[in-house]
Structure formats: C-alpha cells, structure tokens
Protein backbone atom coordinates (compact mmCIF):
# COMPACT_ATOMS: atom_id res chain seq x y z
CA MET A 1 -34.54 6.51 7.87
CA THR A 2 -33.00 5.62 11.22
CA HIS A 3 -30.86 8.06 13.15
CA ALA A 4 -27.92 5.65 12.85
CA MET A 5 -28.13 6.09 9.09
CA LEU A 6 -28.08 9.87 9.52
CA ASP A 7 -25.00 9.77 11.74
CA PRO A 8 -22.60 6.87 11.04
CA LEU A 9 -21.07 7.27 14.51
CA LEU A 10 -24.31 5.87 15.94
CA SER A 11 -23.83 2.52 14.19
CA THR A 12 -21.61 1.51 17.11
CA CYS A 13 -24.11 2.56 19.75
CA ARG A 14 -26.80 0.93 21.81
CA ARG A 15 -30.19 2.70 21.74
CA VAL A 16 -31.93 3.10 25.10
CA PHE A 17 -35.45 4.43 24.82
CA LEU A 18 -38.59 5.63 26.58
CA ARG A 19 -41.67 5.19 24.45
CA ASN A 20 -44.99 7.09 24.69
CA TYR A 21 -44.49 8.39 28.23
CA GLU A 22 -47.84 10.05 28.92
CA VAL A 23 -47.78 13.19 31.03
CA TRP A 24 -50.34 15.88 31.78
CA ILE A 25 -48.79 19.33 31.70
CA ASN A 26 -49.57 23.00 31.25
CA ILE A 27 -48.33 23.68 27.75
CA GLY A 28 -49.39 26.16 25.11
CA VAL A 29 -49.53 29.79 24.09
CA HIS A 30 -53.31 30.26 24.13
CA GLU A 31 -55.09 31.44 27.28
CA PHE A 32 -57.26 28.31 27.46
CA GLU A 33 -54.09 26.19 27.35
CA LYS A 34 -52.62 28.06 30.29
CA LYS A 35 -55.63 27.22 32.47
CA ALA A 36 -55.70 23.45 32.08
CA GLU A 37 -53.28 20.61 31.64
CA GLN A 38 -52.97 18.80 28.31
CA ARG A 39 -51.97 15.26 27.57
CA VAL A 40 -48.51 15.03 25.99
CA LEU A 41 -46.68 11.92 24.82
CA ILE A 42 -42.91 12.02 25.16
CA ASN A 43 -40.49 9.75 23.35
CA VAL A 44 -36.77 9.60 23.93
CA ASP A 45 -33.95 7.67 22.25
CA LEU A 46 -30.48 7.80 23.77
CA TYR A 47 -27.47 6.44 21.92
CA VAL A 48 -24.66 5.09 24.08
CA PRO A 49 -21.39 3.75 22.62
CA LEU A 50 -21.20 -0.04 22.83
CA ASP A 51 -17.70 0.07 24.27
CA ILE A 52 -19.05 1.74 27.43
CA SER A 53 -22.50 0.16 27.55
CA THR A 54 -21.88 -3.53 27.00
CA PRO A 55 -22.24 -5.25 30.35
CA LYS A 56 -19.57 -7.70 31.33
CA ALA A 57 -20.88 -8.63 34.79
CA ASP A 58 -24.63 -8.18 34.05
CA GLU A 59 -24.81 -5.23 36.46
CA LEU A 60 -26.93 -2.08 36.20
CA ASP A 61 -24.02 0.31 36.78
CA GLU A 62 -22.42 -0.92 33.55
CA VAL A 63 -25.19 0.55 31.39
CA LEU A 64 -27.26 3.70 31.15
CA ASP A 65 -30.22 3.13 33.45
CA TYR A 66 -33.47 4.10 31.71
CA ASP A 67 -34.78 5.44 35.02
CA PHE A 68 -32.45 8.36 34.22
CA ILE A 69 -34.56 9.19 31.16
CA ARG A 70 -37.88 9.11 33.01
CA ARG A 71 -36.49 11.08 35.95
CA THR A 72 -35.04 13.74 33.63
CA VAL A 73 -38.37 14.19 31.85
CA GLY A 74 -40.20 14.33 35.18
CA GLU A 75 -37.87 17.02 36.53
CA ARG A 76 -38.60 19.23 33.51
CA ILE A 77 -42.35 18.67 33.80
CA LYS A 78 -42.27 19.73 37.47
CA ARG A 79 -40.80 23.12 36.49
CA GLY A 80 -44.25 24.19 35.32
CA HIS A 81 -45.84 25.84 32.32
CA VAL A 82 -44.05 25.88 28.99
CA GLN A 83 -45.45 27.63 25.95
CA LEU A 84 -43.92 25.62 23.12
CA GLN A 85 -43.29 21.96 22.44
CA GLU A 86 -40.00 23.05 20.90
CA THR A 87 -38.90 24.51 24.24
CA LEU A 88 -39.95 21.37 26.11
CA CYS A 89 -38.01 19.13 23.70
CA ASP A 90 -34.93 21.37 23.81
CA ASP A 91 -34.94 21.50 27.62
CA ILE A 92 -35.20 17.73 27.97
CA LEU A 93 -32.60 17.12 25.26
CA ALA A 94 -30.08 19.49 26.83
CA ARG A 95 -30.34 17.75 30.19
CA LEU A 96 -30.06 14.25 28.67
CA MET A 97 -26.99 15.25 26.66
CA GLU A 98 -25.19 16.20 29.89
CA HIS A 99 -24.89 12.51 30.81
CA PRO A 100 -21.31 11.41 30.05
CA LYS A 101 -22.39 8.11 28.46
CA VAL A 102 -24.81 9.70 25.96
CA GLN A 103 -23.38 10.13 22.46
CA ALA A 104 -26.64 11.31 20.88
CA ALA A 105 -30.28 11.78 21.73
CA ARG A 106 -33.65 12.21 20.11
CA VAL A 107 -36.61 13.72 21.96
CA SER A 108 -40.12 14.14 20.62
CA THR A 109 -43.33 15.46 22.09
CA ALA A 110 -46.82 14.97 20.73
CA LYS A 111 -50.13 16.52 21.70
CA PRO A 112 -52.69 13.87 20.73
CA ASP A 113 -55.84 15.80 21.61
CA VAL A 114 -55.41 19.00 19.58
CA TYR A 115 -57.23 18.07 16.36
CA PRO A 116 -59.94 15.44 15.93
CA ASP A 117 -58.81 14.50 12.42
CA CYS A 118 -55.22 13.43 13.19
CA ASP A 119 -53.36 11.31 15.72
CA ALA A 120 -51.21 14.11 17.09
CA VAL A 121 -49.19 17.25 16.46
CA GLY A 122 -45.65 17.42 17.70
CA VAL A 123 -42.00 18.26 17.53
CA GLU A 124 -38.81 16.22 17.39
CA VAL A 125 -35.21 17.24 17.97
CA PHE A 126 -32.01 15.23 17.52
CA ARG A 127 -28.44 16.01 18.52
CA SER A 128 -25.13 14.17 18.74
CA LYS A 129 -21.87 15.10 20.46
C-alpha cells in the first residue's frame, strides 16, 4: 500500500526521494557496535504539494531540491554515535519535516550486514503535517 493511499492528502503531492543512500556510521547498543562503523542504507520520501512544487519556469528554486535530503541525512550522521535505528529515523524525520514545503515524509534505515540469512533489518517512520 502506498503512503498516498494511507493519507488521501498526499494524492495531490509530488514525491521527492533518496533511495538506498549508503552510509557508514557508529550505530548500535552492543559494545562491539560502538567500536566500529556499520553499513546503513537510508531511504527517504518527501511529499510536497503540487501547487507549490510544480515548476512554471523550469527553475530549481521552484521545487524542493533533493540535495536538501542528502545534506540533512549527512548532518545527522556527523553528530556521531546513535544507539537505535528508531532514534536515527526520528532525528532525520524531524529535521526534514521542518522544511516549509514538506507535507509528509517517510524515513527508513536498514542494516544489511546484521544477519547472514536476510537482506536487512530496519525501521521505518512516516509522518504528515
């Protein structure tokens, strides 16, 4: 089920996304996790109302620049160790939701190297204004 189906307000939005952004960060509650970085994949979907994100002059300032997403994730990563994926998702989501053009956002994190018998373990959070 798509997020637009969950929240009808999103049916009039454009989705801007960052897919499988690979970062190496200190994350985890176990001592061995605090001593070494782990690979984490971050995915973000931002929903921006079409009435404020439909370009008329084909100019970047008319839309939400996806560099904003990558920069926001990078700023959180630079803050250092985080114990839980839930905290990482919540921190990134809160910052993204501060942007005046963002109506809703979805953030997920996945740790692909935790278990050999699955693709990844992770967390996802979604919020709309």
